[in-house]
Amino acid sequence: MDFRDYYKILGVEPDADLKAIKTAYRKLARKYHPDVSTETDTAERFKEVAEAYEVLGDEKKRAEYDEIRKFGGRQQGGGAGGAGGFSSGQGGRYNEQDFSDFFSSIFGQRRQRASGFEDASGFRSRGRDIEVEMPIFLEDTLAEESKQIKYSLPYQDAHGQQLEDITKTLKIKIPKGVADGERIRLKGQGAPGLGDGPAGDLYLRVRLVPHPLFDVEAHNLLTTVPLAPWEAALGGKITVPTLQGKIQLTIPPNSQSGQRLRIKGRGLPMKSGNGDLFAVLKVVMPPSTDEATKKLWQQLAEQQAGFDPRNSA
């Protein structure tokens, strides 16, 4: 299996701090995200960048990855992924709707919980419960089609001898209203039992992948909308992104920087209805002004001489 250099993917040094990693991710995610990219065929590149941030942006995952990277991409002692090692190469393989096999082999089943039982004869044992982290994009919460996941299962013969792990593939429907950190139980999809013992359960731990345009507050979304000073003062209509596509938003006259405009029903799905999207206004000054423009600003300052923004609260 090909080794993936997440530092190279994000364009950061191995000793980069979390702020540098997040900055690099935001920059690349905005560049390659299908909703905002001007380039073609960027979906695969965006997934690669998101996967790199999922690992390097998490302290525990990063430490585990760094150990593997230190040994040239080879897991020591069998590791959580159950693989003997990884060969250096150009990137891994991607499932259309999931992170790469390389990611799954390291983090897919690292938190297995033994929950077996045995009868008096010792020939019957319940299979292990398996917990798998399932990263999903915000767009996945709106998708009608099922999402395919792959995960590894520990496998034993009839005598309880540990054999090579097996890989299982499932298609699941993302439950409506799923939230970051939520755990989904799939009964009987865990490790097989011994004898006539039942299989364990599969637990999917949901992780919402950070989005370049939207922040998440419960089931609501926030997006920053830059405005020119005259747009804030005069109002008008502008185009803003949503998870469902771009829409026209009316900016009221005399809008303030930091003001939130609510767009009903454009947030994340809930068990009943949808959350809302909030457009957070941000007034941005032009990068430079000529003499004629400065005179206009001066005239405005003279006309509004009685206005003091520091005493207007």
C-alpha atoms as a PDB file:
ATOM      1  CA  MET A   1       0.000   0.000   0.000  1.00  0.00           C
ATOM      2  CA  ASP A   2       1.414   3.379  -0.980  1.00  0.00           C
ATOM      3  CA  PHE A   3       2.599   5.697   1.776  1.00  0.00           C
ATOM      4  CA  ARG A   4       1.069   9.201   1.840  1.00  0.00           C
ATOM      5  CA  ASP A   5       3.226  12.142   2.914  1.00  0.00           C
ATOM      6  CA  TYR A   6       0.642  14.412   4.530  1.00  0.00           C
ATOM      7  CA  TYR A   7       3.202  17.159   5.192  1.00  0.00           C
ATOM      8  CA  LYS A   8       4.077  17.279   1.497  1.00  0.00           C
ATOM      9  CA  ILE A   9       0.394  17.296   0.531  1.00  0.00           C
ATOM     10  CA  LEU A  10      -0.240  20.402   2.687  1.00  0.00           C
ATOM     11  CA  GLY A  11       3.114  21.959   1.762  1.00  0.00           C
ATOM     12  CA  VAL A  12       4.301  22.347   5.364  1.00  0.00           C
ATOM     13  CA  GLU A  13       7.415  21.255   7.233  1.00  0.00           C
ATOM     14  CA  PRO A  14       7.239  18.267   9.629  1.00  0.00           C
ATOM     15  CA  ASP A  15       7.794  20.627  12.586  1.00  0.00           C
ATOM     16  CA  ALA A  16       4.990  23.001  11.557  1.00  0.00           C
ATOM     17  CA  ASP A  17       2.654  24.061  14.363  1.00  0.00           C
ATOM     18  CA  LEU A  18      -1.122  23.634  14.305  1.00  0.00           C
ATOM     19  CA  LYS A  19      -1.711  27.227  13.174  1.00  0.00           C
ATOM     20  CA  ALA A  20       0.536  26.768  10.124  1.00  0.00           C
ATOM     21  CA  ILE A  21      -1.156  23.471   9.290  1.00  0.00           C
ATOM     22  CA  LYS A  22      -4.621  24.986   9.546  1.00  0.00           C
ATOM     23  CA  THR A  23      -3.600  27.987   7.428  1.00  0.00           C
ATOM     24  CA  ALA A  24      -2.171  25.709   4.743  1.00  0.00           C
ATOM     25  CA  TYR A  25      -5.314  23.571   4.771  1.00  0.00           C
ATOM     26  CA  ARG A  26      -7.657  26.536   4.443  1.00  0.00           C
ATOM     27  CA  LYS A  27      -5.647  27.898   1.538  1.00  0.00           C
ATOM     28  CA  LEU A  28      -5.577  24.602  -0.352  1.00  0.00           C
ATOM     29  CA  ALA A  29      -9.180  23.692   0.488  1.00  0.00           C
ATOM     30  CA  ARG A  30     -10.382  27.007  -0.932  1.00  0.00           C
ATOM     31  CA  LYS A  31      -8.225  26.412  -4.018  1.00  0.00           C
ATOM     32  CA  TYR A  32      -9.497  22.905  -4.711  1.00  0.00           C
ATOM     33  CA  HIS A  33     -13.019  22.793  -3.285  1.00  0.00           C
ATOM     34  CA  PRO A  34     -15.489  22.195  -6.161  1.00  0.00           C
ATOM     35  CA  ASP A  35     -17.776  25.009  -4.989  1.00  0.00           C
ATOM     36  CA  VAL A  36     -15.098  27.689  -5.217  1.00  0.00           C
ATOM     37  CA  SER A  37     -12.284  26.330  -7.408  1.00  0.00           C
ATOM     38  CA  THR A  38     -11.752  27.708 -10.884  1.00  0.00           C
ATOM     39  CA  GLU A  39      -9.718  24.641 -11.845  1.00  0.00           C
ATOM     40  CA  THR A  40     -11.046  21.370 -13.249  1.00  0.00           C
ATOM     41  CA  ASP A  41     -10.984  17.845 -11.767  1.00  0.00           C
ATOM     42  CA  THR A  42     -10.252  19.110  -8.252  1.00  0.00           C
ATOM     43  CA  ALA A  43     -12.453  16.735  -6.232  1.00  0.00           C
ATOM     44  CA  GLU A  44      -9.695  14.133  -5.807  1.00  0.00           C
ATOM     45  CA  ARG A  45      -7.136  16.761  -4.809  1.00  0.00           C
ATOM     46  CA  PHE A  46      -9.577  18.272  -2.294  1.00  0.00           C
ATOM     47  CA  LYS A  47     -10.137  14.876  -0.640  1.00  0.00           C
ATOM     48  CA  GLU A  48      -6.377  14.391  -0.422  1.00  0.00           C
ATOM     49  CA  VAL A  49      -5.947  17.775   1.287  1.00  0.00           C
ATOM     50  CA  ALA A  50      -8.852  17.100   3.661  1.00  0.00           C
ATOM     51  CA  GLU A  51      -7.385  13.719   4.598  1.00  0.00           C
ATOM     52  CA  ALA A  52      -3.993  15.297   5.347  1.00  0.00           C
ATOM     53  CA  TYR A  53      -5.615  17.881   7.628  1.00  0.00           C
ATOM     54  CA  GLU A  54      -7.735  15.219   9.342  1.00  0.00           C
ATOM     55  CA  VAL A  55      -4.479  13.592  10.480  1.00  0.00           C
ATOM     56  CA  LEU A  56      -2.093  16.519  11.018  1.00  0.00           C
ATOM     57  CA  GLY A  57      -4.767  18.691  12.629  1.00  0.00           C
ATOM     58  CA  ASP A  58      -5.344  16.113  15.373  1.00  0.00           C
ATOM     59  CA  GLU A  59      -2.610  15.768  18.017  1.00  0.00           C
ATOM     60  CA  LYS A  60      -3.061  12.032  18.623  1.00  0.00           C
ATOM     61  CA  LYS A  61      -3.405  11.085  14.964  1.00  0.00           C
ATOM     62  CA  ARG A  62      -0.389  13.197  14.080  1.00  0.00           C
ATOM     63  CA  ALA A  63       1.768  11.526  16.733  1.00  0.00           C
ATOM     64  CA  GLU A  64       0.774   8.082  15.487  1.00  0.00           C
ATOM     65  CA  TYR A  65       1.416   9.077  11.872  1.00  0.00           C
ATOM     66  CA  ASP A  66       4.809  10.607  12.728  1.00  0.00           C
ATOM     67  CA  GLU A  67       5.913   7.301  14.269  1.00  0.00           C
ATOM     68  CA  ILE A  68       5.070   5.480  11.040  1.00  0.00           C
ATOM     69  CA  ARG A  69       6.710   8.195   8.933  1.00  0.00           C
ATOM     70  CA  LYS A  70       9.864   8.031  11.063  1.00  0.00           C
ATOM     71  CA  PHE A  71      10.367   4.403  10.049  1.00  0.00           C
ATOM     72  CA  GLY A  72      10.003   5.159   6.367  1.00  0.00           C
ATOM     73  CA  GLY A  73       6.284   4.471   6.265  1.00  0.00           C
ATOM     74  CA  ARG A  74       6.483   1.084   7.973  1.00  0.00           C
ATOM     75  CA  GLN A  75       4.279   0.268  10.974  1.00  0.00           C
ATOM     76  CA  GLN A  76       6.243  -1.285  13.799  1.00  0.00           C
ATOM     77  CA  GLY A  77       5.010  -4.364  15.623  1.00  0.00           C
ATOM     78  CA  GLY A  78       1.854  -4.876  13.555  1.00  0.00           C
ATOM     79  CA  GLY A  79       0.282  -1.586  14.688  1.00  0.00           C
ATOM     80  CA  ALA A  80      -3.369  -0.678  14.835  1.00  0.00           C
ATOM     81  CA  GLY A  81      -3.866  -1.042  11.121  1.00  0.00           C
ATOM     82  CA  GLY A  82      -2.917  -4.702  11.114  1.00  0.00           C
ATOM     83  CA  ALA A  83      -0.574  -4.224   8.141  1.00  0.00           C
ATOM     84  CA  GLY A  84       3.089  -5.169   8.066  1.00  0.00           C
ATOM     85  CA  GLY A  85       4.178  -1.950   6.385  1.00  0.00           C
ATOM     86  CA  PHE A  86       3.770   0.514   3.553  1.00  0.00           C
ATOM     87  CA  SER A  87       5.986   1.057   0.539  1.00  0.00           C
ATOM     88  CA  SER A  88       6.994   4.582  -0.391  1.00  0.00           C
ATOM     89  CA  GLY A  89       5.200   5.806  -3.507  1.00  0.00           C
ATOM     90  CA  GLN A  90       3.095   8.414  -5.164  1.00  0.00           C
ATOM     91  CA  GLY A  91      -0.085   8.740  -3.130  1.00  0.00           C
ATOM     92  CA  GLY A  92      -2.667   6.143  -2.058  1.00  0.00           C
ATOM     93  CA  ARG A  93      -5.900   4.846  -3.522  1.00  0.00           C
ATOM     94  CA  TYR A  94      -9.151   6.690  -2.903  1.00  0.00           C
ATOM     95  CA  ASN A  95     -12.592   5.315  -2.632  1.00  0.00           C
ATOM     96  CA  GLU A  96     -14.959   7.693  -4.357  1.00  0.00           C
ATOM     97  CA  GLN A  97     -16.722   8.683  -1.143  1.00  0.00           C
ATOM     98  CA  ASP A  98     -14.093   8.006   1.496  1.00  0.00           C
ATOM     99  CA  PHE A  99     -10.552   8.661   2.585  1.00  0.00           C
ATOM    100  CA  SER A 100      -7.734   6.492   1.242  1.00  0.00           C
ATOM    101  CA  ASP A 101      -6.920   2.906   2.159  1.00  0.00           C
ATOM    102  CA  PHE A 102      -3.726   4.238   3.733  1.00  0.00           C
ATOM    103  CA  PHE A 103      -5.772   6.360   6.164  1.00  0.00           C
ATOM    104  CA  SER A 104      -8.117   3.467   6.970  1.00  0.00           C
ATOM    105  CA  SER A 105      -5.230   1.078   7.591  1.00  0.00           C
ATOM    106  CA  ILE A 106      -3.839   3.351  10.333  1.00  0.00           C
ATOM    107  CA  PHE A 107      -6.935   4.818  11.961  1.00  0.00           C
ATOM    108  CA  GLY A 108      -9.842   2.665  10.803  1.00  0.00           C
ATOM    109  CA  GLN A 109     -10.014   0.211  13.685  1.00  0.00           C
ATOM    110  CA  ARG A 110      -7.539   1.416  16.274  1.00  0.00           C
ATOM    111  CA  ARG A 111     -10.139   1.458  19.052  1.00  0.00           C
ATOM    112  CA  GLN A 112     -11.395  -2.106  19.298  1.00  0.00           C
ATOM    113  CA  ARG A 113     -13.186  -3.070  22.446  1.00  0.00           C
ATOM    114  CA  ALA A 114     -13.153  -6.689  23.611  1.00  0.00           C
ATOM    115  CA  SER A 115     -16.619  -7.707  24.705  1.00  0.00           C
ATOM    116  CA  GLY A 116     -16.634 -11.489  24.288  1.00  0.00           C
ATOM    117  CA  PHE A 117     -18.257 -14.144  26.384  1.00  0.00           C
ATOM    118  CA  GLU A 118     -17.638 -17.873  26.611  1.00  0.00           C
ATOM    119  CA  ASP A 119     -19.807 -20.761  27.695  1.00  0.00           C
ATOM    120  CA  ALA A 120     -18.721 -23.504  30.066  1.00  0.00           C
ATOM    121  CA  SER A 121     -17.295 -25.639  27.266  1.00  0.00           C
ATOM    122  CA  GLY A 122     -15.209 -22.737  25.963  1.00  0.00           C
ATOM    123  CA  PHE A 123     -16.376 -23.133  22.363  1.00  0.00           C
ATOM    124  CA  ARG A 124     -18.697 -20.155  22.090  1.00  0.00           C
ATOM    125  CA  SER A 125     -17.607 -16.531  22.092  1.00  0.00           C
ATOM    126  CA  ARG A 126     -19.155 -13.271  20.981  1.00  0.00           C
ATOM    127  CA  GLY A 127     -17.164 -11.309  18.417  1.00  0.00           C
ATOM    128  CA  ARG A 128     -15.483  -8.029  19.263  1.00  0.00           C
ATOM    129  CA  ASP A 129     -17.197  -4.691  18.913  1.00  0.00           C
ATOM    130  CA  ILE A 130     -15.302  -2.485  16.461  1.00  0.00           C
ATOM    131  CA  GLU A 131     -15.202   1.303  16.508  1.00  0.00           C
ATOM    132  CA  VAL A 132     -14.256   3.076  13.284  1.00  0.00           C
ATOM    133  CA  GLU A 133     -13.811   6.788  12.749  1.00  0.00           C
ATOM    134  CA  MET A 134     -15.896   7.945   9.786  1.00  0.00           C
ATOM    135  CA  PRO A 135     -14.880  11.334   8.360  1.00  0.00           C
ATOM    136  CA  ILE A 136     -17.631  12.933   6.289  1.00  0.00           C
ATOM    137  CA  PHE A 137     -17.876  16.175   4.372  1.00  0.00           C
ATOM    138  CA  LEU A 138     -20.681  18.614   5.141  1.00  0.00           C
ATOM    139  CA  GLU A 139     -22.101  17.877   1.691  1.00  0.00           C
ATOM    140  CA  ASP A 140     -22.430  14.190   2.685  1.00  0.00           C
ATOM    141  CA  THR A 141     -25.065  15.117   5.277  1.00  0.00           C
ATOM    142  CA  LEU A 142     -27.347  16.217   2.413  1.00  0.00           C
ATOM    143  CA  ALA A 143     -26.637  13.282   0.087  1.00  0.00           C
ATOM    144  CA  GLU A 144     -29.432  10.847  -0.714  1.00  0.00           C
ATOM    145  CA  GLU A 145     -27.135   8.056  -1.902  1.00  0.00           C
ATOM    146  CA  SER A 146     -25.419   5.647   0.466  1.00  0.00           C
ATOM    147  CA  LYS A 147     -21.791   6.088   1.522  1.00  0.00           C
ATOM    148  CA  GLN A 148     -19.363   3.221   1.109  1.00  0.00           C
ATOM    149  CA  ILE A 149     -16.989   2.444   3.968  1.00  0.00           C
ATOM    150  CA  LYS A 150     -14.208  -0.120   4.321  1.00  0.00           C
ATOM    151  CA  TYR A 151     -12.812  -1.383   7.614  1.00  0.00           C
ATOM    152  CA  SER A 152     -10.697  -4.250   8.942  1.00  0.00           C
ATOM    153  CA  LEU A 153     -11.936  -7.013  11.226  1.00  0.00           C
ATOM    154  CA  PRO A 154      -9.850  -9.297  13.444  1.00  0.00           C
ATOM    155  CA  TYR A 155     -10.425 -12.919  12.427  1.00  0.00           C
ATOM    156  CA  GLN A 156      -9.909 -16.150  14.420  1.00  0.00           C
ATOM    157  CA  ASP A 157     -10.173 -19.777  13.406  1.00  0.00           C
ATOM    158  CA  ALA A 158     -12.354 -22.291  15.251  1.00  0.00           C
ATOM    159  CA  HIS A 159      -9.625 -22.785  17.867  1.00  0.00           C
ATOM    160  CA  GLY A 160      -9.305 -19.083  18.669  1.00  0.00           C
ATOM    161  CA  GLN A 161      -6.061 -18.684  16.751  1.00  0.00           C
ATOM    162  CA  GLN A 162      -5.625 -15.132  15.439  1.00  0.00           C
ATOM    163  CA  LEU A 163      -5.444 -15.071  11.640  1.00  0.00           C
ATOM    164  CA  GLU A 164      -4.874 -12.253   9.161  1.00  0.00           C
ATOM    165  CA  ASP A 165      -7.405  -9.432   9.407  1.00  0.00           C
ATOM    166  CA  ILE A 166     -10.204  -9.385   6.870  1.00  0.00           C
ATOM    167  CA  THR A 167     -11.494  -6.293   5.073  1.00  0.00           C
ATOM    168  CA  LYS A 168     -15.210  -5.617   4.962  1.00  0.00           C
ATOM    169  CA  THR A 169     -17.122  -3.147   2.791  1.00  0.00           C
ATOM    170  CA  LEU A 170     -20.516  -1.693   3.662  1.00  0.00           C
ATOM    171  CA  LYS A 171     -22.838   0.863   2.148  1.00  0.00           C
ATOM    172  CA  ILE A 172     -24.614   2.964   4.747  1.00  0.00           C
ATOM    173  CA  LYS A 173     -27.074   5.826   4.615  1.00  0.00           C
ATOM    174  CA  ILE A 174     -25.921   8.828   6.636  1.00  0.00           C
ATOM    175  CA  PRO A 175     -28.662   9.305   9.263  1.00  0.00           C
ATOM    176  CA  LYS A 176     -30.528  12.586   9.057  1.00  0.00           C
ATOM    177  CA  GLY A 177     -29.409  14.995  11.753  1.00  0.00           C
ATOM    178  CA  VAL A 178     -26.074  13.289  12.451  1.00  0.00           C
ATOM    179  CA  ALA A 179     -23.672  15.519  14.409  1.00  0.00           C
ATOM    180  CA  ASP A 180     -19.916  15.710  14.820  1.00  0.00           C
ATOM    181  CA  GLY A 181     -18.703  13.142  17.358  1.00  0.00           C
ATOM    182  CA  GLU A 182     -21.927  11.135  17.239  1.00  0.00           C
ATOM    183  CA  ARG A 183     -21.632   7.341  17.359  1.00  0.00           C
ATOM    184  CA  ILE A 184     -23.717   5.160  15.045  1.00  0.00           C
ATOM    185  CA  ARG A 185     -24.265   1.488  15.935  1.00  0.00           C
ATOM    186  CA  LEU A 186     -24.555  -1.172  13.232  1.00  0.00           C
ATOM    187  CA  LYS A 187     -25.603  -4.388  14.954  1.00  0.00           C
ATOM    188  CA  GLY A 188     -23.784  -7.566  13.958  1.00  0.00           C
ATOM    189  CA  GLN A 189     -21.288  -5.834  11.671  1.00  0.00           C
ATOM    190  CA  GLY A 190     -18.326  -6.231  14.015  1.00  0.00           C
ATOM    191  CA  ALA A 191     -15.878  -9.099  14.342  1.00  0.00           C
ATOM    192  CA  PRO A 192     -17.263 -12.651  13.823  1.00  0.00           C
ATOM    193  CA  GLY A 193     -17.842 -14.797  16.904  1.00  0.00           C
ATOM    194  CA  LEU A 194     -16.360 -18.200  17.725  1.00  0.00           C
ATOM    195  CA  GLY A 195     -18.455 -21.311  17.321  1.00  0.00           C
ATOM    196  CA  ASP A 196     -22.071 -20.254  17.164  1.00  0.00           C
ATOM    197  CA  GLY A 197     -21.339 -17.020  19.038  1.00  0.00           C
ATOM    198  CA  PRO A 198     -22.870 -13.863  17.540  1.00  0.00           C
ATOM    199  CA  ALA A 199     -20.833 -11.236  15.727  1.00  0.00           C
ATOM    200  CA  GLY A 200     -19.960  -8.033  17.532  1.00  0.00           C
ATOM    201  CA  ASP A 201     -21.279  -4.625  16.580  1.00  0.00           C
ATOM    202  CA  LEU A 202     -19.743  -1.875  14.483  1.00  0.00           C
ATOM    203  CA  TYR A 203     -19.688   1.652  15.903  1.00  0.00           C
ATOM    204  CA  LEU A 204     -19.080   4.531  13.507  1.00  0.00           C
ATOM    205  CA  ARG A 205     -17.712   7.685  15.144  1.00  0.00           C
ATOM    206  CA  VAL A 206     -18.705  10.632  12.948  1.00  0.00           C
ATOM    207  CA  ARG A 207     -16.150  13.361  12.264  1.00  0.00           C
ATOM    208  CA  LEU A 208     -17.194  16.378  10.186  1.00  0.00           C
ATOM    209  CA  VAL A 209     -14.276  17.416   7.975  1.00  0.00           C
ATOM    210  CA  PRO A 210     -13.542  21.173   8.263  1.00  0.00           C
ATOM    211  CA  HIS A 211     -14.973  23.130   5.323  1.00  0.00           C
ATOM    212  CA  PRO A 212     -13.198  26.050   3.619  1.00  0.00           C
ATOM    213  CA  LEU A 213     -16.364  28.183   3.525  1.00  0.00           C
ATOM    214  CA  PHE A 214     -18.520  27.174   6.479  1.00  0.00           C
ATOM    215  CA  ASP A 215     -18.108  26.875  10.235  1.00  0.00           C
ATOM    216  CA  VAL A 216     -20.496  24.677  12.207  1.00  0.00           C
ATOM    217  CA  GLU A 217     -22.546  25.671  15.261  1.00  0.00           C
ATOM    218  CA  ALA A 218     -24.743  22.698  16.212  1.00  0.00           C
ATOM    219  CA  HIS A 219     -26.892  22.294  13.069  1.00  0.00           C
ATOM    220  CA  ASN A 220     -26.344  25.878  11.918  1.00  0.00           C
ATOM    221  CA  LEU A 221     -23.673  27.047   9.487  1.00  0.00           C
ATOM    222  CA  LEU A 222     -21.731  30.314   9.435  1.00  0.00           C
ATOM    223  CA  THR A 223     -20.073  31.829   6.389  1.00  0.00           C
ATOM    224  CA  THR A 224     -18.133  35.096   6.221  1.00  0.00           C
ATOM    225  CA  VAL A 225     -19.343  37.525   3.538  1.00  0.00           C
ATOM    226  CA  PRO A 226     -16.922  40.349   2.618  1.00  0.00           C
ATOM    227  CA  LEU A 227     -18.531  43.705   1.715  1.00  0.00           C
ATOM    228  CA  ALA A 228     -17.150  46.891   0.243  1.00  0.00           C
ATOM    229  CA  PRO A 229     -17.887  49.969   2.412  1.00  0.00           C
ATOM    230  CA  TRP A 230     -20.429  51.275  -0.103  1.00  0.00           C
ATOM    231  CA  GLU A 231     -22.217  47.902  -0.206  1.00  0.00           C
ATOM    232  CA  ALA A 232     -22.568  48.021   3.569  1.00  0.00           C
ATOM    233  CA  ALA A 233     -23.754  51.635   3.465  1.00  0.00           C
ATOM    234  CA  LEU A 234     -26.141  51.434   0.500  1.00  0.00           C
ATOM    235  CA  GLY A 235     -27.219  47.806   0.632  1.00  0.00           C
ATOM    236  CA  GLY A 236     -27.972  45.673  -2.397  1.00  0.00           C
ATOM    237  CA  LYS A 237     -27.955  42.088  -3.593  1.00  0.00           C
ATOM    238  CA  ILE A 238     -24.883  39.829  -3.587  1.00  0.00           C
ATOM    239  CA  THR A 239     -24.194  36.155  -4.327  1.00  0.00           C
ATOM    240  CA  VAL A 240     -23.361  33.906  -1.367  1.00  0.00           C
ATOM    241  CA  PRO A 241     -22.589  30.162  -1.217  1.00  0.00           C
ATOM    242  CA  THR A 242     -24.709  27.535   0.536  1.00  0.00           C
ATOM    243  CA  LEU A 243     -24.307  23.749   0.727  1.00  0.00           C
ATOM    244  CA  GLN A 244     -27.147  23.472  -1.791  1.00  0.00           C
ATOM    245  CA  GLY A 245     -25.688  26.013  -4.245  1.00  0.00           C
ATOM    246  CA  LYS A 246     -25.292  29.760  -4.603  1.00  0.00           C
ATOM    247  CA  ILE A 247     -28.147  32.159  -3.799  1.00  0.00           C
ATOM    248  CA  GLN A 248     -28.841  35.900  -3.918  1.00  0.00           C
ATOM    249  CA  LEU A 249     -28.777  37.626  -0.524  1.00  0.00           C
ATOM    250  CA  THR A 250     -30.203  41.078   0.142  1.00  0.00           C
ATOM    251  CA  ILE A 251     -27.866  43.310   2.161  1.00  0.00           C
ATOM    252  CA  PRO A 252     -29.843  45.972   4.083  1.00  0.00           C
ATOM    253  CA  PRO A 253     -28.574  49.577   3.995  1.00  0.00           C
ATOM    254  CA  ASN A 254     -26.325  50.684   6.883  1.00  0.00           C
ATOM    255  CA  SER A 255     -25.148  47.127   7.586  1.00  0.00           C
ATOM    256  CA  GLN A 256     -22.423  46.699  10.180  1.00  0.00           C
ATOM    257  CA  SER A 257     -19.309  44.545  10.130  1.00  0.00           C
ATOM    258  CA  GLY A 258     -19.951  41.434  12.269  1.00  0.00           C
ATOM    259  CA  GLN A 259     -23.710  41.589  11.674  1.00  0.00           C
ATOM    260  CA  ARG A 260     -25.367  38.216  11.045  1.00  0.00           C
ATOM    261  CA  LEU A 261     -28.013  37.730   8.386  1.00  0.00           C
ATOM    262  CA  ARG A 262     -30.086  34.568   8.828  1.00  0.00           C
ATOM    263  CA  ILE A 263     -30.842  32.390   5.810  1.00  0.00           C
ATOM    264  CA  LYS A 264     -33.519  30.009   7.030  1.00  0.00           C
ATOM    265  CA  GLY A 265     -33.251  26.289   6.328  1.00  0.00           C
ATOM    266  CA  ARG A 266     -29.842  26.399   4.615  1.00  0.00           C
ATOM    267  CA  GLY A 267     -27.917  24.757   7.448  1.00  0.00           C
ATOM    268  CA  LEU A 268     -27.339  21.079   8.252  1.00  0.00           C
ATOM    269  CA  PRO A 269     -30.204  18.575   8.334  1.00  0.00           C
ATOM    270  CA  MET A 270     -31.855  17.871  11.675  1.00  0.00           C
ATOM    271  CA  LYS A 271     -34.169  15.012  12.567  1.00  0.00           C
ATOM    272  CA  SER A 272     -36.951  17.450  11.779  1.00  0.00           C
ATOM    273  CA  GLY A 273     -36.196  20.170   9.230  1.00  0.00           C
ATOM    274  CA  ASN A 274     -32.887  21.930   8.684  1.00  0.00           C
ATOM    275  CA  GLY A 275     -30.696  24.311  10.627  1.00  0.00           C
ATOM    276  CA  ASP A 276     -30.017  27.820   9.353  1.00  0.00           C
ATOM    277  CA  LEU A 277     -27.141  29.498   7.556  1.00  0.00           C
ATOM    278  CA  PHE A 278     -25.839  32.783   8.984  1.00  0.00           C
ATOM    279  CA  ALA A 279     -23.990  35.189   6.701  1.00  0.00           C
ATOM    280  CA  VAL A 280     -21.497  37.084   8.878  1.00  0.00           C
ATOM    281  CA  LEU A 281     -20.807  40.460   7.267  1.00  0.00           C
ATOM    282  CA  LYS A 282     -17.250  41.767   7.095  1.00  0.00           C
ATOM    283  CA  VAL A 283     -16.567  45.249   5.730  1.00  0.00           C
ATOM    284  CA  VAL A 284     -13.352  45.284   3.700  1.00  0.00           C
ATOM    285  CA  MET A 285     -11.578  48.473   2.634  1.00  0.00           C
ATOM    286  CA  PRO A 286     -10.152  48.823  -0.887  1.00  0.00           C
ATOM    287  CA  PRO A 287      -6.430  47.930  -1.003  1.00  0.00           C
ATOM    288  CA  SER A 288      -5.442  51.449  -2.126  1.00  0.00           C
ATOM    289  CA  THR A 289      -7.024  54.784  -3.010  1.00  0.00           C
ATOM    290  CA  ASP A 290      -6.030  57.576  -5.384  1.00  0.00           C
ATOM    291  CA  GLU A 291      -6.237  61.301  -4.614  1.00  0.00           C
ATOM    292  CA  ALA A 292      -9.734  61.681  -6.059  1.00  0.00           C
ATOM    293  CA  THR A 293     -11.021  58.872  -3.845  1.00  0.00           C
ATOM    294  CA  LYS A 294      -9.331  60.361  -0.781  1.00  0.00           C
ATOM    295  CA  LYS A 295     -11.119  63.652  -1.440  1.00  0.00           C
ATOM    296  CA  LEU A 296     -14.459  61.835  -1.512  1.00  0.00           C
ATOM    297  CA  TRP A 297     -13.660  60.163   1.810  1.00  0.00           C
ATOM    298  CA  GLN A 298     -12.688  63.584   3.182  1.00  0.00           C
ATOM    299  CA  GLN A 299     -15.986  65.088   2.042  1.00  0.00           C
ATOM    300  CA  LEU A 300     -17.838  62.232   3.738  1.00  0.00           C
ATOM    301  CA  ALA A 301     -15.859  62.788   6.934  1.00  0.00           C
ATOM    302  CA  GLU A 302     -16.767  66.487   6.917  1.00  0.00           C
ATOM    303  CA  GLN A 303     -20.461  65.759   6.308  1.00  0.00           C
ATOM    304  CA  GLN A 304     -20.499  63.246   9.180  1.00  0.00           C
ATOM    305  CA  ALA A 305     -18.335  65.287  11.541  1.00  0.00           C
ATOM    306  CA  GLY A 306     -20.750  64.710  14.420  1.00  0.00           C
ATOM    307  CA  PHE A 307     -20.528  60.915  14.198  1.00  0.00           C
ATOM    308  CA  ASP A 308     -18.152  59.185  16.628  1.00  0.00           C
ATOM    309  CA  PRO A 309     -18.224  55.372  16.221  1.00  0.00           C
ATOM    310  CA  ARG A 310     -16.560  54.924  19.621  1.00  0.00           C
ATOM    311  CA  ASN A 311     -19.466  56.674  21.347  1.00  0.00           C
ATOM    312  CA  SER A 312     -22.273  55.262  19.188  1.00  0.00           C
ATOM    313  CA  ALA A 313     -22.908  52.214  21.381  1.00  0.00           C
END
